[in-house]
Amino acid sequence: MKKLLSTAMALVLIIGLLTGCSVESQGEKTESVSNQYYLYYLNKDETKVTKTRYYPEQESAEFMLQDLMGILNGQESSGENLPLLPAGVQLVTYRLNESLLELEFNADYSNISRTREILVRAGVARTFLQIPGITGIKIFIGNQELTDSKGQAVGLLDGNTFVEMWGSDKDAYRYDTFTLYFTDKTGEHLVAEQRNVYYKRILPRERVILEQLAKGPMVKGHYPTIPQNTDILGIEVSDNVCYVDFSSAFSDSGIDIPVNTMIYSVVNSLLDTTSADKVQISIEGDTEAKLSDGTSLYSLFSKNTDLILKEN
């Protein structure tokens, strides 16, 4: 009898252990397939969107909409990462029409630089597209739909809109060859220099060209035309004109070359590669700024081939 009781107890213990194992395995399976959500930020250089894990208390669309809106407007940073929305920009309200979400921002959204706005737009889209049931997003500034540099409505943002930002690392980069124009020893002529650049696809080609120009030449006998500490405050192409806004370092240049050489090193470098055929230069937003010799920048500059020196 004791033997039978002992055997029965052993069987109960074995079944309990097996059941326990089964529950633990099921828990692990549930953990592995649970939804993953993220909060999006900008890196400190404002060149890419970064993310951290987000754990909502509820996974309903209404809760997550309210929660993510509050987090976005809270503008909290994450480590070295910057908040997605710059100071003053707020998401005022939203309208949900079945699977389409319309997001309405205040007027300060219009003050975001064109380069950063593309990153903000991508981060905002990615934030709200992860909410269950939402497949498309439209962004409004007040009651006006967001427009691009040509004044056309940006339209619907969905999972394919920013695919280049979320694909593999290889897909997120591009490779280009640029012709940059520096100066010779006399400072009177421009000399061409080919440069191969591997850079993030989200960066405007025009910005990359000017950043490479500011780094200076790599060929012996070529000399810089703009200071390395020149910041590019804004750049965009509209109606075949490339608009460039430099920091004051551009006009305070300590480089001892004719102003024409400096201007057309920028103009020729941009027009040799981009779709624009004219360039307008401003200094910290001032389109009527003057350079050290009194030359006014209030003009649309076309390519100047007369300054280019033909090298052997």
Protein backbone atom coordinates (compact mmCIF):
# COMPACT_ATOMS: atom_id res chain seq x y z
CA MET A 1 0.00 0.00 0.00
CA LYS A 2 2.80 2.33 0.97
CA LYS A 3 4.52 1.44 -2.29
CA LEU A 4 1.39 2.33 -4.29
CA LEU A 5 1.00 5.63 -2.41
CA SER A 6 4.64 6.49 -3.02
CA THR A 7 4.28 5.71 -6.71
CA ALA A 8 1.13 7.86 -6.96
CA MET A 9 2.82 10.79 -5.28
CA ALA A 10 5.79 10.48 -7.63
CA LEU A 11 3.45 10.55 -10.62
CA VAL A 12 1.71 13.67 -9.28
CA LEU A 13 5.10 15.36 -8.77
CA ILE A 14 6.23 14.47 -12.30
CA ILE A 15 2.98 15.77 -13.81
CA GLY A 16 3.33 18.98 -11.81
CA LEU A 17 6.89 19.46 -13.01
CA LEU A 18 5.89 18.82 -16.61
CA THR A 19 2.98 21.24 -16.30
CA GLY A 20 5.31 23.86 -14.84
CA CYS A 21 7.70 23.43 -17.74
CA SER A 22 4.84 23.77 -20.16
CA VAL A 23 3.68 27.05 -18.60
CA GLU A 24 7.19 28.51 -18.63
CA SER A 25 7.66 27.56 -22.28
CA GLN A 26 4.34 29.15 -23.21
CA GLY A 27 5.34 32.32 -21.38
CA GLU A 28 8.59 32.51 -23.31
CA LYS A 29 6.69 32.03 -26.57
CA THR A 30 4.29 34.87 -25.74
CA GLU A 31 7.21 37.13 -24.84
CA SER A 32 8.95 36.48 -28.18
CA VAL A 33 5.95 37.35 -30.34
CA SER A 34 4.64 40.36 -28.34
CA ASN A 35 4.44 43.69 -30.15
CA GLN A 36 7.45 45.96 -29.93
CA TYR A 37 7.02 49.74 -29.89
CA TYR A 38 9.52 52.58 -30.04
CA LEU A 39 9.97 56.27 -29.27
CA TYR A 40 11.89 58.25 -31.87
CA TYR A 41 14.53 60.97 -31.42
CA LEU A 42 17.21 62.79 -33.43
CA ASN A 43 20.90 62.20 -32.87
CA LYS A 44 22.84 65.21 -31.57
CA ASP A 45 24.15 66.05 -35.08
CA GLU A 46 20.59 66.07 -36.45
CA THR A 47 21.55 63.70 -39.26
CA LYS A 48 19.46 60.64 -38.44
CA VAL A 49 16.48 59.33 -36.49
CA THR A 50 17.20 57.09 -33.49
CA LYS A 51 14.87 55.04 -31.30
CA THR A 52 14.38 53.56 -27.82
CA ARG A 53 11.89 50.94 -26.61
CA TYR A 54 8.41 52.10 -25.60
CA TYR A 55 6.18 50.06 -23.29
CA PRO A 56 2.57 51.32 -23.37
CA GLU A 57 0.33 50.49 -20.41
CA GLN A 58 -2.41 49.64 -22.90
CA GLU A 59 -2.18 48.63 -26.55
CA SER A 60 -5.43 50.24 -27.65
CA ALA A 61 -5.27 52.87 -30.41
CA GLU A 62 -6.96 55.55 -28.27
CA PHE A 63 -4.59 55.10 -25.32
CA MET A 64 -1.45 55.02 -27.47
CA LEU A 65 -2.54 58.09 -29.47
CA GLN A 66 -2.98 60.13 -26.30
CA ASP A 67 0.17 58.76 -24.67
CA LEU A 68 2.44 59.27 -27.69
CA MET A 69 1.05 62.76 -28.26
CA GLY A 70 1.92 63.66 -24.66
CA ILE A 71 5.42 62.21 -24.96
CA LEU A 72 6.03 63.98 -28.27
CA ASN A 73 4.89 67.34 -26.88
CA GLY A 74 6.91 66.79 -23.70
CA GLN A 75 10.07 67.14 -25.82
CA GLU A 76 12.21 65.08 -23.51
CA SER A 77 15.62 64.00 -24.73
CA SER A 78 17.07 60.51 -24.38
CA GLY A 79 20.74 60.39 -23.41
CA GLU A 80 22.63 62.33 -26.08
CA ASN A 81 19.65 62.18 -28.44
CA LEU A 82 17.50 65.25 -29.09
CA PRO A 83 13.70 65.35 -28.89
CA LEU A 84 12.00 64.85 -32.23
CA LEU A 85 10.18 68.21 -32.08
CA PRO A 86 12.25 71.40 -31.62
CA ALA A 87 11.26 73.93 -28.94
CA GLY A 88 7.94 75.63 -29.59
CA VAL A 89 6.57 73.00 -31.97
CA GLN A 90 3.51 71.18 -30.62
CA LEU A 91 1.11 68.57 -31.88
CA VAL A 92 -2.20 70.38 -31.25
CA THR A 93 -4.74 67.71 -32.12
CA TYR A 94 -5.42 64.67 -34.25
CA ARG A 95 -8.31 63.30 -36.30
CA LEU A 96 -8.73 59.57 -36.83
CA ASN A 97 -10.78 58.48 -39.84
CA GLU A 98 -10.77 54.69 -39.87
CA SER A 99 -7.11 53.82 -40.70
CA LEU A 100 -6.09 57.40 -41.69
CA LEU A 101 -4.63 59.63 -38.97
CA GLU A 102 -4.43 63.40 -39.51
CA LEU A 103 -1.97 65.21 -37.25
CA GLU A 104 -2.30 68.96 -36.77
CA PHE A 105 0.76 70.92 -35.57
CA ASN A 106 0.94 74.57 -34.53
CA ALA A 107 2.37 77.32 -36.75
CA ASP A 108 5.90 76.89 -35.30
CA TYR A 109 6.24 73.71 -37.35
CA SER A 110 6.80 76.00 -40.38
CA ASN A 111 10.02 77.30 -38.76
CA ILE A 112 11.75 73.92 -38.78
CA SER A 113 14.66 73.91 -41.24
CA ARG A 114 14.00 71.91 -44.40
CA THR A 115 16.68 69.32 -43.59
CA ARG A 116 15.48 68.71 -40.04
CA GLU A 117 11.83 68.71 -41.09
CA ILE A 118 12.38 65.65 -43.27
CA LEU A 119 13.78 63.81 -40.25
CA VAL A 120 10.97 65.08 -38.01
CA ARG A 121 8.40 63.97 -40.59
CA ALA A 122 9.97 60.51 -40.75
CA GLY A 123 10.08 60.17 -36.96
CA VAL A 124 6.49 61.35 -36.53
CA ALA A 125 5.26 58.96 -39.22
CA ARG A 126 7.17 56.07 -37.70
CA THR A 127 5.84 56.91 -34.23
CA PHE A 128 2.15 56.82 -35.14
CA LEU A 129 2.22 54.14 -37.85
CA GLN A 130 3.12 51.59 -35.20
CA ILE A 131 -0.28 52.11 -33.49
CA PRO A 132 -2.62 49.18 -34.22
CA GLY A 133 -5.08 49.94 -37.04
CA ILE A 134 -3.29 53.02 -38.44
CA THR A 135 -1.93 52.57 -41.99
CA GLY A 136 -1.57 56.16 -43.21
CA ILE A 137 -0.79 59.63 -41.86
CA LYS A 138 -1.23 63.19 -43.11
CA ILE A 139 0.45 66.19 -41.48
CA PHE A 140 -1.19 69.61 -41.20
CA ILE A 141 0.08 72.99 -40.00
CA GLY A 142 -3.06 74.53 -38.64
CA ASN A 143 -5.72 73.71 -41.22
CA GLN A 144 -3.23 73.65 -44.13
CA GLU A 145 -1.70 70.39 -45.30
CA LEU A 146 2.11 70.22 -45.08
CA THR A 147 3.81 71.19 -48.38
CA ASP A 148 7.25 70.52 -49.84
CA SER A 149 9.80 73.07 -51.13
CA LYS A 150 7.80 73.43 -54.35
CA GLY A 151 4.61 74.25 -52.47
CA GLN A 152 2.98 70.92 -53.28
CA ALA A 153 1.13 68.90 -50.62
CA VAL A 154 3.32 66.18 -49.12
CA GLY A 155 0.29 63.89 -49.06
CA LEU A 156 -0.11 60.47 -47.48
CA LEU A 157 2.73 58.99 -45.41
CA ASP A 158 2.70 55.22 -45.03
CA GLY A 159 5.08 52.37 -44.35
CA ASN A 160 6.77 52.77 -47.74
CA THR A 161 7.31 56.55 -47.62
CA PHE A 162 10.59 56.49 -45.72
CA VAL A 163 11.70 53.00 -46.61
CA GLU A 164 15.25 54.23 -47.32
CA MET A 165 15.57 55.36 -43.70
CA TRP A 166 14.48 52.08 -42.19
CA GLY A 167 16.05 49.52 -44.49
CA SER A 168 19.43 47.89 -44.11
CA ASP A 169 22.50 50.01 -43.37
CA LYS A 170 23.64 49.46 -46.94
CA ASP A 171 20.36 50.83 -48.31
CA ALA A 172 20.57 53.89 -46.02
CA TYR A 173 23.72 55.17 -47.77
CA ARG A 174 24.58 56.34 -51.25
CA TYR A 175 27.80 56.80 -53.19
CA ASP A 176 28.45 59.84 -55.40
CA THR A 177 31.30 61.52 -57.23
CA PHE A 178 31.36 65.30 -56.92
CA THR A 179 33.39 67.96 -58.72
CA LEU A 180 34.57 70.50 -56.17
CA TYR A 181 36.24 73.79 -57.06
CA PHE A 182 39.13 75.07 -54.97
CA THR A 183 41.75 77.67 -55.92
CA ASP A 184 45.32 77.60 -57.16
CA LYS A 185 48.29 79.22 -55.41
CA THR A 186 47.52 82.65 -56.86
CA GLY A 187 43.93 82.65 -55.59
CA GLU A 188 42.84 84.00 -58.95
CA HIS A 189 41.63 80.75 -60.53
CA LEU A 190 39.43 77.81 -59.69
CA VAL A 191 40.80 74.28 -59.95
CA ALA A 192 38.55 71.22 -60.20
CA GLU A 193 38.93 68.26 -57.90
CA GLN A 194 37.00 64.99 -58.12
CA ARG A 195 35.87 63.53 -54.82
CA ASN A 196 34.13 60.23 -54.14
CA VAL A 197 31.80 60.44 -51.13
CA TYR A 198 29.84 57.75 -49.30
CA TYR A 199 27.09 59.40 -47.24
CA LYS A 200 23.66 58.94 -45.69
CA ARG A 201 20.90 58.94 -48.26
CA ILE A 202 18.72 61.25 -46.14
CA LEU A 203 21.25 64.10 -46.45
CA PRO A 204 20.63 66.54 -49.32
CA ARG A 205 23.31 66.22 -51.97
CA GLU A 206 23.83 70.00 -51.93
CA ARG A 207 24.67 69.95 -48.22
CA VAL A 208 27.19 67.15 -48.69
CA ILE A 209 28.89 69.12 -51.50
CA LEU A 210 29.30 72.22 -49.33
CA GLU A 211 30.49 70.21 -46.33
CA GLN A 212 33.16 68.60 -48.52
CA LEU A 213 34.12 72.03 -49.90
CA ALA A 214 34.56 73.37 -46.34
CA LYS A 215 36.85 70.45 -45.48
CA GLY A 216 39.32 71.78 -48.03
CA PRO A 217 41.25 70.22 -50.92
CA MET A 218 43.02 66.87 -50.93
CA VAL A 219 45.16 67.47 -54.02
CA LYS A 220 48.59 69.05 -53.74
CA GLY A 221 48.66 72.53 -55.22
CA HIS A 222 44.99 73.17 -54.47
CA TYR A 223 44.01 75.64 -51.74
CA PRO A 224 40.82 76.21 -49.69
CA THR A 225 38.22 78.78 -50.69
CA ILE A 226 35.91 78.91 -47.66
CA PRO A 227 36.70 78.61 -43.92
CA GLN A 228 36.35 75.18 -42.31
CA ASN A 229 34.19 76.68 -39.56
CA THR A 230 31.54 77.82 -42.05
CA ASP A 231 28.18 76.38 -40.97
CA ILE A 232 25.45 75.59 -43.48
CA LEU A 233 22.33 76.97 -41.80
CA GLY A 234 19.98 76.00 -44.58
CA ILE A 235 19.96 74.71 -48.14
CA GLU A 236 17.20 73.76 -50.59
CA VAL A 237 16.49 73.71 -54.32
CA SER A 238 13.30 75.23 -55.68
CA ASP A 239 12.43 76.24 -59.26
CA ASN A 240 15.99 75.45 -60.41
CA VAL A 241 17.52 77.80 -57.83
CA CYS A 242 19.70 76.50 -55.01
CA TYR A 243 19.24 78.65 -51.89
CA VAL A 244 22.19 78.53 -49.49
CA ASP A 245 22.30 80.17 -46.06
CA PHE A 246 25.77 80.34 -44.46
CA SER A 247 26.85 81.37 -40.98
CA SER A 248 28.74 84.67 -40.56
CA ALA A 249 32.03 82.76 -40.82
CA PHE A 250 31.56 82.80 -44.60
CA SER A 251 31.59 86.62 -44.80
CA ASP A 252 34.30 86.95 -42.12
CA SER A 253 36.63 84.67 -44.04
CA GLY A 254 40.29 85.01 -43.19
CA ILE A 255 41.24 83.34 -46.48
CA ASP A 256 43.15 85.86 -48.57
CA ILE A 257 41.64 85.33 -52.02
CA PRO A 258 39.41 87.48 -54.25
CA VAL A 259 35.75 87.37 -53.25
CA ASN A 260 34.80 86.20 -56.76
CA THR A 261 36.93 83.10 -56.31
CA MET A 262 35.21 82.28 -53.03
CA ILE A 263 31.70 82.85 -54.40
CA TYR A 264 32.17 80.85 -57.59
CA SER A 265 33.89 77.97 -55.83
CA VAL A 266 30.54 77.51 -54.07
CA VAL A 267 28.40 78.23 -57.14
CA ASN A 268 30.35 76.05 -59.57
CA SER A 269 30.60 73.15 -57.09
CA LEU A 270 26.83 73.15 -56.59
CA LEU A 271 25.79 73.65 -60.21
CA ASP A 272 28.19 71.03 -61.56
CA THR A 273 26.29 68.23 -59.83
CA THR A 274 22.80 69.34 -58.82
CA SER A 275 19.65 70.04 -60.83
CA ALA A 276 19.79 73.81 -60.16
CA ASP A 277 21.11 76.33 -62.70
CA LYS A 278 21.44 79.31 -60.33
CA VAL A 279 22.53 79.87 -56.72
CA GLN A 280 21.44 82.46 -54.18
CA ILE A 281 23.67 82.94 -51.14
CA SER A 282 22.58 84.52 -47.87
CA ILE A 283 24.37 85.08 -44.56
CA GLU A 284 22.34 84.10 -41.52
CA GLY A 285 19.15 84.73 -43.44
CA ASP A 286 20.24 88.09 -44.89
CA THR A 287 19.98 87.93 -48.70
CA GLU A 288 21.40 91.48 -48.99
CA ALA A 289 24.56 90.77 -46.99
CA LYS A 290 27.88 92.11 -48.24
CA LEU A 291 31.29 90.47 -48.20
CA SER A 292 34.58 91.98 -47.05
CA ASP A 293 35.19 93.94 -50.27
CA GLY A 294 31.64 95.29 -50.38
CA THR A 295 30.35 92.74 -52.89
CA SER A 296 26.60 92.29 -52.43
CA LEU A 297 25.15 88.81 -52.37
CA TYR A 298 21.77 90.09 -53.55
CA SER A 299 21.96 88.23 -56.83
CA LEU A 300 21.35 84.91 -58.52
CA PHE A 301 24.72 83.47 -59.51
CA SER A 302 25.17 81.29 -62.60
CA LYS A 303 28.14 79.04 -63.30
CA ASN A 304 31.36 80.87 -64.17
CA THR A 305 33.67 78.85 -66.42
CA ASP A 306 36.06 81.74 -67.10
CA LEU A 307 37.68 81.32 -63.67
CA ILE A 308 38.37 77.61 -64.12
CA LEU A 309 42.04 76.84 -64.74
CA LYS A 310 42.71 73.92 -67.08
CA GLU A 311 45.37 71.79 -65.42
CA ASN A 312 47.64 69.34 -67.15
